[in-house]
N, C-alpha and C. Protein backbone atom coordinates (compact mmCIF):
# COMPACT_ATOMS: atom_id res chain seq x y z
N MET A 1 19.19 -0.52 -5.26
CA MET A 1 18.99 -1.89 -4.79
C MET A 1 18.22 -2.68 -5.84
N GLN A 2 18.66 -3.87 -6.12
CA GLN A 2 18.07 -4.66 -7.18
C GLN A 2 16.91 -5.50 -6.67
N ILE A 3 15.83 -5.52 -7.44
CA ILE A 3 14.69 -6.39 -7.11
C ILE A 3 15.04 -7.82 -7.49
N LYS A 4 14.91 -8.72 -6.53
CA LYS A 4 15.20 -10.13 -6.77
C LYS A 4 14.00 -10.88 -7.32
N ARG A 5 12.83 -10.53 -6.81
CA ARG A 5 11.58 -11.17 -7.23
C ARG A 5 10.46 -10.15 -7.17
N MET A 6 9.46 -10.32 -8.05
CA MET A 6 8.22 -9.58 -7.96
C MET A 6 7.08 -10.58 -7.95
N LEU A 7 6.15 -10.40 -7.01
CA LEU A 7 5.00 -11.29 -6.88
C LEU A 7 3.73 -10.46 -7.02
N SER A 8 2.81 -10.93 -7.86
CA SER A 8 1.59 -10.19 -8.16
C SER A 8 0.35 -10.96 -7.73
N PHE A 9 -0.66 -10.24 -7.25
CA PHE A 9 -1.89 -10.84 -6.76
C PHE A 9 -3.08 -10.03 -7.28
N CYS A 10 -4.11 -10.73 -7.73
CA CYS A 10 -5.32 -10.07 -8.22
C CYS A 10 -6.54 -10.81 -7.70
N ASP A 11 -7.45 -10.08 -7.07
CA ASP A 11 -8.66 -10.65 -6.47
C ASP A 11 -9.86 -9.91 -7.07
N GLU A 12 -10.69 -10.63 -7.86
CA GLU A 12 -11.86 -10.03 -8.49
C GLU A 12 -13.13 -10.65 -7.90
N THR A 13 -14.03 -9.80 -7.44
CA THR A 13 -15.29 -10.26 -6.86
C THR A 13 -16.45 -9.84 -7.75
N THR A 14 -17.22 -10.83 -8.19
CA THR A 14 -18.40 -10.54 -9.04
C THR A 14 -19.71 -10.85 -8.32
N ILE A 15 -19.68 -11.77 -7.34
CA ILE A 15 -20.87 -12.10 -6.55
C ILE A 15 -20.46 -12.20 -5.09
N GLU A 16 -21.21 -11.56 -4.22
CA GLU A 16 -20.97 -11.61 -2.78
C GLU A 16 -22.30 -11.75 -2.06
N ALA A 17 -22.40 -12.76 -1.20
CA ALA A 17 -23.64 -13.02 -0.46
C ALA A 17 -24.83 -13.15 -1.39
N GLY A 18 -24.61 -13.74 -2.56
CA GLY A 18 -25.67 -13.95 -3.52
C GLY A 18 -26.05 -12.73 -4.32
N GLN A 19 -25.34 -11.62 -4.10
CA GLN A 19 -25.65 -10.38 -4.80
C GLN A 19 -24.59 -10.10 -5.85
N THR A 20 -25.01 -9.65 -7.03
CA THR A 20 -24.07 -9.27 -8.08
C THR A 20 -23.33 -8.01 -7.66
N VAL A 21 -22.03 -8.04 -7.79
CA VAL A 21 -21.20 -6.88 -7.45
C VAL A 21 -20.97 -6.07 -8.73
N ALA A 22 -21.62 -4.93 -8.81
CA ALA A 22 -21.52 -4.09 -10.00
C ALA A 22 -21.35 -2.64 -9.56
N PRO A 23 -20.28 -2.00 -9.98
CA PRO A 23 -19.23 -2.56 -10.82
C PRO A 23 -18.37 -3.59 -10.07
N LEU A 24 -17.64 -4.37 -10.84
CA LEU A 24 -16.75 -5.39 -10.31
C LEU A 24 -15.79 -4.80 -9.28
N LEU A 25 -15.54 -5.57 -8.21
CA LEU A 25 -14.52 -5.17 -7.22
C LEU A 25 -13.21 -5.86 -7.57
N VAL A 26 -12.20 -5.06 -7.89
CA VAL A 26 -10.88 -5.58 -8.20
C VAL A 26 -9.90 -5.08 -7.15
N LYS A 27 -9.21 -6.01 -6.49
CA LYS A 27 -8.14 -5.67 -5.55
C LYS A 27 -6.85 -6.32 -6.03
N VAL A 28 -5.78 -5.54 -6.05
CA VAL A 28 -4.49 -6.06 -6.50
C VAL A 28 -3.40 -5.71 -5.50
N ALA A 29 -2.35 -6.49 -5.51
CA ALA A 29 -1.16 -6.20 -4.70
C ALA A 29 0.06 -6.72 -5.46
N VAL A 30 1.14 -5.98 -5.36
CA VAL A 30 2.41 -6.40 -5.96
C VAL A 30 3.50 -6.21 -4.92
N ALA A 31 4.34 -7.23 -4.76
CA ALA A 31 5.43 -7.20 -3.80
C ALA A 31 6.77 -7.28 -4.52
N ALA A 32 7.73 -6.50 -4.04
CA ALA A 32 9.11 -6.59 -4.52
C ALA A 32 9.97 -7.13 -3.38
N VAL A 33 10.78 -8.13 -3.68
CA VAL A 33 11.67 -8.72 -2.68
C VAL A 33 13.09 -8.29 -3.00
N ILE A 34 13.77 -7.73 -2.00
CA ILE A 34 15.15 -7.26 -2.18
C ILE A 34 16.01 -7.79 -1.04
N ASN A 35 17.32 -7.73 -1.24
CA ASN A 35 18.23 -8.04 -0.15
C ASN A 35 18.17 -6.93 0.89
N ASN A 36 18.29 -7.29 2.15
CA ASN A 36 18.33 -6.33 3.24
C ASN A 36 19.79 -6.03 3.59
N PRO A 37 20.29 -4.84 3.23
CA PRO A 37 21.70 -4.54 3.48
C PRO A 37 22.05 -4.42 4.96
N TYR A 38 21.05 -4.32 5.81
CA TYR A 38 21.29 -4.13 7.24
C TYR A 38 20.91 -5.36 8.08
N ALA A 39 20.67 -6.47 7.42
CA ALA A 39 20.33 -7.70 8.16
C ALA A 39 21.48 -8.07 9.08
N GLY A 40 21.14 -8.38 10.31
CA GLY A 40 22.14 -8.86 11.26
C GLY A 40 22.99 -7.79 11.92
N ARG A 41 22.71 -6.51 11.64
CA ARG A 41 23.48 -5.45 12.29
C ARG A 41 22.62 -4.21 12.45
N PHE A 42 22.99 -3.38 13.41
CA PHE A 42 22.25 -2.14 13.65
C PHE A 42 22.87 -1.02 12.84
N GLU A 43 22.03 -0.30 12.12
CA GLU A 43 22.45 0.87 11.36
C GLU A 43 21.51 2.02 11.68
N ARG A 44 22.07 3.13 12.14
CA ARG A 44 21.21 4.25 12.53
C ARG A 44 20.61 4.98 11.32
N ASP A 45 21.38 5.12 10.26
CA ASP A 45 20.93 5.87 9.09
C ASP A 45 20.28 4.91 8.08
N LEU A 46 18.97 4.99 7.96
CA LEU A 46 18.23 4.12 7.04
C LEU A 46 17.81 4.85 5.77
N ASN A 47 18.38 6.03 5.54
CA ASN A 47 18.01 6.79 4.34
C ASN A 47 18.26 6.04 3.04
N PRO A 48 19.29 5.21 2.93
CA PRO A 48 19.46 4.47 1.67
C PRO A 48 18.26 3.58 1.34
N LEU A 49 17.61 3.02 2.35
CA LEU A 49 16.40 2.23 2.10
C LEU A 49 15.27 3.12 1.61
N THR A 50 15.11 4.26 2.27
CA THR A 50 14.05 5.20 1.86
C THR A 50 14.28 5.68 0.43
N ASN A 51 15.51 6.03 0.11
CA ASN A 51 15.81 6.51 -1.24
C ASN A 51 15.56 5.42 -2.29
N ALA A 52 15.93 4.20 -1.97
CA ALA A 52 15.75 3.09 -2.92
C ALA A 52 14.28 2.79 -3.15
N SER A 53 13.43 3.12 -2.19
CA SER A 53 12.01 2.79 -2.30
C SER A 53 11.32 3.53 -3.44
N GLU A 54 11.90 4.64 -3.88
CA GLU A 54 11.25 5.41 -4.95
C GLU A 54 11.22 4.62 -6.25
N GLU A 55 12.38 4.15 -6.71
CA GLU A 55 12.43 3.42 -7.97
C GLU A 55 11.73 2.07 -7.87
N ILE A 56 11.93 1.39 -6.73
CA ILE A 56 11.22 0.12 -6.52
C ILE A 56 9.72 0.35 -6.55
N GLY A 57 9.28 1.43 -5.90
CA GLY A 57 7.86 1.75 -5.89
C GLY A 57 7.31 2.01 -7.28
N ARG A 58 8.07 2.71 -8.11
CA ARG A 58 7.59 2.98 -9.47
C ARG A 58 7.34 1.67 -10.23
N ARG A 59 8.23 0.71 -10.06
CA ARG A 59 8.08 -0.54 -10.78
C ARG A 59 6.87 -1.34 -10.31
N ILE A 60 6.73 -1.48 -9.00
CA ILE A 60 5.64 -2.33 -8.52
C ILE A 60 4.29 -1.63 -8.63
N CYS A 61 4.27 -0.30 -8.48
CA CYS A 61 2.99 0.41 -8.61
C CYS A 61 2.50 0.39 -10.06
N ALA A 62 3.41 0.54 -11.00
CA ALA A 62 3.03 0.46 -12.41
C ALA A 62 2.48 -0.92 -12.73
N CYS A 63 3.10 -1.95 -12.18
CA CYS A 63 2.64 -3.32 -12.39
C CYS A 63 1.25 -3.51 -11.78
N ALA A 64 1.04 -2.98 -10.58
CA ALA A 64 -0.25 -3.14 -9.90
C ALA A 64 -1.37 -2.45 -10.66
N VAL A 65 -1.13 -1.23 -11.11
CA VAL A 65 -2.16 -0.50 -11.86
C VAL A 65 -2.46 -1.22 -13.18
N ALA A 66 -1.44 -1.77 -13.82
CA ALA A 66 -1.66 -2.53 -15.05
C ALA A 66 -2.52 -3.76 -14.79
N LEU A 67 -2.34 -4.40 -13.63
CA LEU A 67 -3.15 -5.57 -13.28
C LEU A 67 -4.63 -5.23 -13.19
N MET A 68 -4.95 -3.99 -12.91
CA MET A 68 -6.35 -3.59 -12.76
C MET A 68 -7.06 -3.45 -14.10
N GLY A 69 -6.29 -3.48 -15.19
CA GLY A 69 -6.90 -3.39 -16.51
C GLY A 69 -7.60 -2.06 -16.72
N LEU A 70 -8.88 -2.11 -17.08
CA LEU A 70 -9.64 -0.90 -17.34
C LEU A 70 -10.15 -0.23 -16.07
N HIS A 71 -9.99 -0.89 -14.94
CA HIS A 71 -10.48 -0.35 -13.67
C HIS A 71 -9.46 0.65 -13.08
N LYS A 72 -9.96 1.72 -12.50
CA LYS A 72 -9.10 2.76 -11.94
C LYS A 72 -8.94 2.56 -10.43
N PRO A 73 -7.76 2.83 -9.90
CA PRO A 73 -7.57 2.74 -8.44
C PRO A 73 -8.40 3.79 -7.71
N VAL A 74 -9.14 3.35 -6.72
CA VAL A 74 -9.94 4.25 -5.89
C VAL A 74 -9.44 4.22 -4.44
N SER A 75 -8.94 3.07 -4.03
CA SER A 75 -8.40 2.90 -2.68
C SER A 75 -6.97 2.41 -2.78
N TYR A 76 -6.20 2.63 -1.70
CA TYR A 76 -4.83 2.12 -1.70
C TYR A 76 -4.37 1.77 -0.29
N GLY A 77 -3.28 1.01 -0.24
CA GLY A 77 -2.65 0.62 1.01
C GLY A 77 -1.25 0.12 0.73
N LYS A 78 -0.44 -0.01 1.77
CA LYS A 78 0.94 -0.44 1.58
C LYS A 78 1.37 -1.29 2.77
N ALA A 79 2.43 -2.08 2.55
CA ALA A 79 2.88 -2.98 3.61
C ALA A 79 4.34 -3.34 3.38
N GLY A 80 4.98 -3.82 4.43
CA GLY A 80 6.36 -4.28 4.33
C GLY A 80 6.60 -5.45 5.26
N LEU A 81 7.32 -6.42 4.75
CA LEU A 81 7.72 -7.58 5.55
C LEU A 81 9.24 -7.64 5.57
N VAL A 82 9.80 -7.85 6.73
CA VAL A 82 11.25 -7.96 6.85
C VAL A 82 11.59 -9.33 7.41
N GLY A 83 12.62 -9.96 6.85
CA GLY A 83 13.05 -11.27 7.32
C GLY A 83 13.59 -11.23 8.73
N VAL A 84 13.75 -12.39 9.33
CA VAL A 84 14.03 -12.49 10.77
C VAL A 84 15.39 -11.93 11.17
N ASN A 85 16.30 -11.74 10.24
CA ASN A 85 17.60 -11.15 10.58
C ASN A 85 17.59 -9.62 10.50
N GLY A 86 16.45 -9.06 10.14
CA GLY A 86 16.33 -7.61 10.06
C GLY A 86 15.44 -7.06 11.15
N GLU A 87 15.19 -5.74 11.07
CA GLU A 87 14.31 -5.05 12.02
C GLU A 87 13.05 -4.60 11.30
N GLN A 88 11.96 -4.51 12.05
CA GLN A 88 10.74 -3.95 11.50
C GLN A 88 11.00 -2.57 10.91
N GLU A 89 11.89 -1.82 11.55
CA GLU A 89 12.19 -0.45 11.10
C GLU A 89 12.73 -0.42 9.68
N HIS A 90 13.36 -1.49 9.23
CA HIS A 90 13.88 -1.54 7.86
C HIS A 90 12.72 -1.50 6.85
N ALA A 91 11.65 -2.21 7.15
CA ALA A 91 10.48 -2.16 6.28
C ALA A 91 9.80 -0.80 6.35
N VAL A 92 9.71 -0.24 7.56
CA VAL A 92 9.08 1.08 7.73
C VAL A 92 9.83 2.13 6.92
N ALA A 93 11.15 2.03 6.89
CA ALA A 93 11.96 3.00 6.16
C ALA A 93 11.63 3.03 4.68
N MET A 94 11.11 1.92 4.16
CA MET A 94 10.78 1.86 2.74
C MET A 94 9.33 2.23 2.44
N LEU A 95 8.56 2.58 3.48
CA LEU A 95 7.16 2.92 3.29
C LEU A 95 6.86 4.36 3.68
N THR A 96 7.87 5.22 3.65
CA THR A 96 7.69 6.61 4.04
C THR A 96 7.01 7.40 2.92
N THR A 97 7.00 8.72 3.05
CA THR A 97 6.35 9.57 2.08
C THR A 97 6.92 9.40 0.67
N VAL A 98 8.21 9.08 0.56
CA VAL A 98 8.82 8.87 -0.75
C VAL A 98 8.06 7.78 -1.51
N PHE A 99 7.85 6.65 -0.87
CA PHE A 99 7.11 5.55 -1.48
C PHE A 99 5.63 5.92 -1.63
N GLY A 100 5.09 6.59 -0.63
CA GLY A 100 3.68 6.99 -0.68
C GLY A 100 3.37 7.89 -1.85
N ASN A 101 4.25 8.84 -2.15
CA ASN A 101 4.00 9.74 -3.27
C ASN A 101 4.06 9.01 -4.60
N VAL A 102 4.92 8.01 -4.71
CA VAL A 102 4.95 7.19 -5.92
C VAL A 102 3.63 6.44 -6.09
N MET A 103 3.09 5.93 -4.98
CA MET A 103 1.79 5.25 -5.03
C MET A 103 0.70 6.21 -5.49
N ARG A 104 0.71 7.43 -4.97
CA ARG A 104 -0.29 8.42 -5.37
C ARG A 104 -0.18 8.73 -6.86
N ASP A 105 1.03 8.92 -7.33
CA ASP A 105 1.23 9.24 -8.74
C ASP A 105 0.68 8.11 -9.63
N ALA A 106 0.95 6.87 -9.26
CA ALA A 106 0.50 5.73 -10.06
C ALA A 106 -1.02 5.65 -10.08
N ALA A 107 -1.66 6.10 -9.00
CA ALA A 107 -3.11 6.05 -8.91
C ALA A 107 -3.79 7.24 -9.58
N GLY A 108 -3.00 8.12 -10.16
CA GLY A 108 -3.57 9.31 -10.77
C GLY A 108 -3.84 10.41 -9.76
N GLY A 109 -3.16 10.35 -8.64
CA GLY A 109 -3.32 11.33 -7.57
C GLY A 109 -3.99 10.72 -6.35
N GLY A 110 -3.76 11.33 -5.22
CA GLY A 110 -4.36 10.86 -3.97
C GLY A 110 -4.17 11.92 -2.91
N LYS A 111 -5.23 12.23 -2.16
CA LYS A 111 -5.18 13.30 -1.17
C LYS A 111 -5.14 12.78 0.27
N ALA A 112 -5.50 11.53 0.46
CA ALA A 112 -5.49 10.97 1.81
C ALA A 112 -4.17 10.25 2.07
N TRP A 113 -3.77 10.19 3.35
CA TRP A 113 -2.59 9.40 3.67
C TRP A 113 -2.88 7.92 3.48
N ILE A 114 -1.84 7.13 3.38
CA ILE A 114 -1.97 5.74 2.97
C ILE A 114 -1.81 4.82 4.18
N SER A 115 -2.83 4.00 4.42
CA SER A 115 -2.76 3.03 5.52
C SER A 115 -1.65 2.03 5.24
N SER A 116 -0.98 1.57 6.31
CA SER A 116 0.12 0.64 6.10
C SER A 116 0.26 -0.31 7.29
N PHE A 117 1.02 -1.39 7.05
CA PHE A 117 1.34 -2.33 8.12
C PHE A 117 2.68 -2.98 7.81
N THR A 118 3.49 -3.16 8.85
CA THR A 118 4.79 -3.81 8.70
C THR A 118 4.99 -4.81 9.84
N LYS A 119 5.79 -5.83 9.57
CA LYS A 119 6.14 -6.78 10.62
C LYS A 119 7.36 -7.60 10.20
N ARG A 120 8.03 -8.18 11.20
CA ARG A 120 9.14 -9.10 10.95
C ARG A 120 8.57 -10.52 10.93
N VAL A 121 8.98 -11.30 9.95
CA VAL A 121 8.33 -12.59 9.72
C VAL A 121 9.33 -13.64 9.26
N ALA A 122 8.90 -14.88 9.36
CA ALA A 122 9.60 -15.98 8.72
C ALA A 122 9.15 -16.07 7.27
N SER A 123 9.93 -16.76 6.46
CA SER A 123 9.60 -16.92 5.04
C SER A 123 8.24 -17.58 4.88
N GLY A 124 7.49 -17.15 3.86
CA GLY A 124 6.17 -17.71 3.60
C GLY A 124 5.07 -17.05 4.39
N ALA A 125 5.29 -15.81 4.81
CA ALA A 125 4.34 -15.13 5.69
C ALA A 125 3.09 -14.67 4.95
N THR A 126 2.02 -14.51 5.73
CA THR A 126 0.77 -13.91 5.27
C THR A 126 0.64 -12.54 5.90
N ILE A 127 0.12 -11.58 5.13
CA ILE A 127 -0.08 -10.24 5.67
C ILE A 127 -1.40 -9.68 5.17
N ASP A 128 -2.11 -8.97 6.04
CA ASP A 128 -3.33 -8.25 5.69
C ASP A 128 -2.96 -6.79 5.42
N ILE A 129 -3.19 -6.35 4.20
CA ILE A 129 -2.84 -4.98 3.82
C ILE A 129 -4.10 -4.12 3.88
N PRO A 130 -4.12 -3.10 4.74
CA PRO A 130 -5.33 -2.27 4.85
C PRO A 130 -5.50 -1.39 3.63
N LEU A 131 -6.76 -1.16 3.25
CA LEU A 131 -7.10 -0.29 2.14
C LEU A 131 -8.05 0.80 2.63
N ALA A 132 -7.90 2.00 2.09
CA ALA A 132 -8.82 3.10 2.39
C ALA A 132 -8.86 4.02 1.18
N HIS A 133 -9.91 4.84 1.10
CA HIS A 133 -10.12 5.72 -0.06
C HIS A 133 -8.91 6.63 -0.26
N LYS A 134 -8.50 6.80 -1.50
CA LYS A 134 -7.28 7.55 -1.79
C LYS A 134 -7.45 9.06 -1.69
N ASP A 135 -8.68 9.55 -1.72
CA ASP A 135 -8.88 10.99 -1.72
C ASP A 135 -9.62 11.53 -0.51
N ALA A 136 -10.25 10.68 0.27
CA ALA A 136 -11.07 11.19 1.36
C ALA A 136 -10.97 10.28 2.58
N LEU A 137 -10.73 10.89 3.72
CA LEU A 137 -10.66 10.13 4.97
C LEU A 137 -12.06 9.81 5.48
N TYR A 138 -12.13 8.81 6.32
CA TYR A 138 -13.37 8.46 7.03
C TYR A 138 -14.49 7.99 6.10
N VAL A 139 -14.15 7.49 4.92
CA VAL A 139 -15.17 6.94 4.03
C VAL A 139 -15.32 5.46 4.36
N ARG A 140 -16.31 5.15 5.18
CA ARG A 140 -16.46 3.83 5.76
C ARG A 140 -16.63 2.73 4.72
N SER A 141 -17.27 3.06 3.61
CA SER A 141 -17.52 2.06 2.57
C SER A 141 -16.24 1.51 1.97
N HIS A 142 -15.14 2.24 2.10
CA HIS A 142 -13.89 1.84 1.47
C HIS A 142 -12.86 1.28 2.47
N TYR A 143 -13.27 1.12 3.73
CA TYR A 143 -12.39 0.44 4.68
C TYR A 143 -12.36 -1.03 4.31
N ASP A 144 -11.24 -1.50 3.84
CA ASP A 144 -11.15 -2.86 3.31
C ASP A 144 -9.72 -3.35 3.46
N GLY A 145 -9.38 -4.42 2.78
CA GLY A 145 -8.02 -4.94 2.81
C GLY A 145 -7.87 -6.06 1.81
N ILE A 146 -6.63 -6.46 1.60
CA ILE A 146 -6.32 -7.61 0.77
C ILE A 146 -5.30 -8.45 1.52
N THR A 147 -5.52 -9.74 1.56
CA THR A 147 -4.63 -10.67 2.26
C THR A 147 -3.80 -11.42 1.23
N ILE A 148 -2.49 -11.41 1.42
CA ILE A 148 -1.61 -12.13 0.50
C ILE A 148 -0.61 -12.97 1.29
N THR A 149 -0.12 -14.01 0.66
CA THR A 149 0.93 -14.85 1.21
C THR A 149 2.09 -14.88 0.23
N LEU A 150 3.29 -14.65 0.73
CA LEU A 150 4.47 -14.63 -0.12
C LEU A 150 5.18 -15.98 -0.03
N PRO A 151 5.11 -16.79 -1.07
CA PRO A 151 5.77 -18.09 -1.02
C PRO A 151 7.29 -17.94 -1.00
N ASP A 152 7.91 -18.55 0.01
CA ASP A 152 9.37 -18.56 0.12
C ASP A 152 9.97 -17.15 0.19
N ALA A 153 9.26 -16.25 0.84
CA ALA A 153 9.76 -14.87 0.99
C ALA A 153 9.04 -14.20 2.16
N PRO A 154 9.67 -13.21 2.79
CA PRO A 154 11.06 -12.83 2.58
C PRO A 154 11.99 -13.79 3.32
N GLY A 155 13.17 -14.02 2.75
CA GLY A 155 14.18 -14.80 3.45
C GLY A 155 14.71 -14.04 4.65
N PRO A 156 15.52 -14.67 5.48
CA PRO A 156 16.03 -14.02 6.70
C PRO A 156 16.74 -12.70 6.43
N ASP A 157 17.39 -12.58 5.27
CA ASP A 157 18.14 -11.38 4.94
C ASP A 157 17.48 -10.58 3.82
N GLU A 158 16.14 -10.63 3.76
CA GLU A 158 15.41 -9.94 2.70
C GLU A 158 14.34 -9.02 3.27
N ILE A 159 13.88 -8.11 2.42
CA ILE A 159 12.74 -7.24 2.70
C ILE A 159 11.76 -7.39 1.55
N ALA A 160 10.46 -7.44 1.86
CA ALA A 160 9.42 -7.39 0.83
C ALA A 160 8.62 -6.10 1.02
N ILE A 161 8.55 -5.29 -0.01
CA ILE A 161 7.79 -4.04 0.03
C ILE A 161 6.59 -4.21 -0.90
N ILE A 162 5.40 -3.79 -0.45
CA ILE A 162 4.16 -4.15 -1.13
C ILE A 162 3.26 -2.92 -1.32
N CYS A 163 2.69 -2.80 -2.51
CA CYS A 163 1.65 -1.80 -2.77
C CYS A 163 0.35 -2.54 -3.07
N ALA A 164 -0.78 -1.91 -2.75
CA ALA A 164 -2.08 -2.52 -3.02
C ALA A 164 -3.07 -1.43 -3.43
N TYR A 165 -3.97 -1.80 -4.35
CA TYR A 165 -5.01 -0.89 -4.82
C TYR A 165 -6.33 -1.64 -4.95
N ALA A 166 -7.43 -0.89 -4.88
CA ALA A 166 -8.76 -1.45 -5.12
C ALA A 166 -9.56 -0.50 -6.02
N SER A 167 -10.51 -1.08 -6.76
CA SER A 167 -11.27 -0.31 -7.75
C SER A 167 -12.53 0.34 -7.18
N ARG A 168 -12.92 -0.06 -5.97
CA ARG A 168 -14.15 0.48 -5.39
C ARG A 168 -14.19 0.10 -3.91
N GLY A 169 -15.29 0.46 -3.25
CA GLY A 169 -15.48 0.08 -1.86
C GLY A 169 -15.89 -1.38 -1.73
N ARG A 170 -16.16 -1.79 -0.50
CA ARG A 170 -16.53 -3.18 -0.22
C ARG A 170 -17.80 -3.58 -0.96
N SER A 171 -17.88 -4.86 -1.28
CA SER A 171 -19.12 -5.40 -1.85
C SER A 171 -20.25 -5.27 -0.84
N ASN A 172 -21.40 -4.79 -1.30
CA ASN A 172 -22.60 -4.71 -0.46
C ASN A 172 -22.44 -3.79 0.76
N HIS A 173 -21.55 -2.83 0.71
CA HIS A 173 -21.38 -1.96 1.88
C HIS A 173 -22.69 -1.22 2.15
N ARG A 174 -23.09 -1.20 3.42
CA ARG A 174 -24.38 -0.60 3.77
C ARG A 174 -24.45 -0.21 5.24
N VAL A 175 -23.36 0.30 5.78
CA VAL A 175 -23.35 0.71 7.18
C VAL A 175 -23.18 2.22 7.33
N GLY A 176 -23.51 2.96 6.28
CA GLY A 176 -23.53 4.41 6.39
C GLY A 176 -22.15 5.03 6.36
N GLY A 177 -22.06 6.24 6.88
CA GLY A 177 -20.81 6.99 6.86
C GLY A 177 -20.78 7.99 5.73
N LEU A 178 -19.67 8.69 5.63
CA LEU A 178 -19.52 9.73 4.62
C LEU A 178 -19.48 9.14 3.21
N ALA A 179 -19.99 9.90 2.26
CA ALA A 179 -19.87 9.51 0.86
C ALA A 179 -18.46 9.81 0.38
N ALA A 180 -18.04 9.15 -0.68
CA ALA A 180 -16.68 9.32 -1.20
C ALA A 180 -16.60 10.54 -2.10
N LYS A 181 -16.51 11.71 -1.50
CA LYS A 181 -16.37 12.95 -2.26
C LYS A 181 -14.91 13.38 -2.19
N ARG A 182 -14.44 13.96 -3.26
CA ARG A 182 -13.01 14.16 -3.47
C ARG A 182 -12.30 14.89 -2.34
N ASP A 183 -12.95 15.92 -1.78
CA ASP A 183 -12.23 16.75 -0.83
C ASP A 183 -12.63 16.52 0.62
N GLN A 184 -13.51 15.58 0.88
CA GLN A 184 -13.97 15.41 2.26
C GLN A 184 -12.83 15.07 3.19
N GLY A 185 -11.86 14.27 2.73
CA GLY A 185 -10.78 13.83 3.60
C GLY A 185 -10.02 14.99 4.18
N ARG A 186 -9.72 15.97 3.35
CA ARG A 186 -8.96 17.10 3.86
C ARG A 186 -9.79 17.95 4.82
N ARG A 187 -11.07 18.13 4.53
CA ARG A 187 -11.89 18.95 5.42
C ARG A 187 -12.04 18.30 6.78
N ARG A 188 -12.29 16.97 6.80
CA ARG A 188 -12.47 16.30 8.08
C ARG A 188 -11.18 16.23 8.88
N ALA A 189 -10.05 16.18 8.17
CA ALA A 189 -8.76 16.11 8.87
C ALA A 189 -8.21 17.49 9.19
N GLY A 190 -8.91 18.55 8.75
CA GLY A 190 -8.44 19.90 9.00
C GLY A 190 -7.27 20.28 8.13
N LEU A 191 -7.11 19.62 6.96
CA LEU A 191 -5.99 19.90 6.08
C LEU A 191 -6.41 20.88 4.99
N THR A 192 -5.77 22.05 4.93
CA THR A 192 -5.96 22.96 3.82
C THR A 192 -5.02 22.57 2.69
N ASP A 193 -5.18 23.19 1.52
CA ASP A 193 -4.27 22.91 0.40
C ASP A 193 -2.82 23.15 0.81
N ALA A 194 -2.60 24.25 1.54
CA ALA A 194 -1.22 24.61 1.89
C ALA A 194 -0.61 23.61 2.86
N ASN A 195 -1.33 23.31 3.96
CA ASN A 195 -0.69 22.42 4.92
C ASN A 195 -0.74 20.98 4.48
N PHE A 196 -1.62 20.65 3.51
CA PHE A 196 -1.55 19.30 2.93
C PHE A 196 -0.25 19.12 2.16
N ARG A 197 0.14 20.15 1.39
CA ARG A 197 1.39 20.04 0.65
C ARG A 197 2.56 19.90 1.60
N SER A 198 2.52 20.63 2.72
CA SER A 198 3.58 20.51 3.70
C SER A 198 3.57 19.12 4.33
N ASP A 199 2.38 18.63 4.69
CA ASP A 199 2.24 17.30 5.29
C ASP A 199 2.76 16.22 4.35
N ARG A 200 2.57 16.42 3.05
CA ARG A 200 2.97 15.42 2.06
C ARG A 200 4.47 15.18 2.08
N MET A 201 5.23 16.17 2.52
CA MET A 201 6.68 16.06 2.51
C MET A 201 7.23 15.48 3.80
N GLU A 202 6.39 15.33 4.82
CA GLU A 202 6.87 14.80 6.08
C GLU A 202 6.96 13.29 6.03
N ARG A 203 8.03 12.76 6.53
CA ARG A 203 8.25 11.32 6.48
C ARG A 203 7.11 10.54 7.10
N SER A 204 6.58 11.02 8.22
CA SER A 204 5.55 10.28 8.92
C SER A 204 4.18 10.46 8.31
N GLY A 205 4.03 11.33 7.30
CA GLY A 205 2.72 11.63 6.76
C GLY A 205 2.32 10.79 5.58
N ALA A 206 3.13 9.78 5.20
CA ALA A 206 2.80 8.99 4.02
C ALA A 206 1.65 8.06 4.28
């Protein structure tokens, strides 16, 4: 499936509530807009959308990581918007583990599942993309998000698939919770190395 448009967003915070944010908080998102082959009709097999998400994901994730410059992705999230002639399920089909693994690879690895949100919208929609730590679950300091608006997209017969990354936790976070240690997410979720690898392959586990 051919990408019709790519839209990029970068949000850099240096001061929050009068406090210097150090290191800098960088949040980025990149959206790819494609034609929806199933707009206006019901199709039971959505595997072609899932399969197409791999190459689309590689392009937008590489672009997003490049937008971060010297900053490394620490948190991630994903989202999908489908035009009014499609189904929410069309966007969900493009955000499965196939797309999730591409996001992890672009981030230099990731052990936690990726928060996501999808909805059917009119053109010019706004969406809040949830962000969470890429390696550890329940790290409260990294519960965040990025809000973007897609001008003139998605059209009624289009889908927008979106990846998002952040360079650190929230500015001035101070409400406690677990520290961001590499393996905490798996321990708290009860995931061993073996069953994490199995979970990684499940469609619903992305």
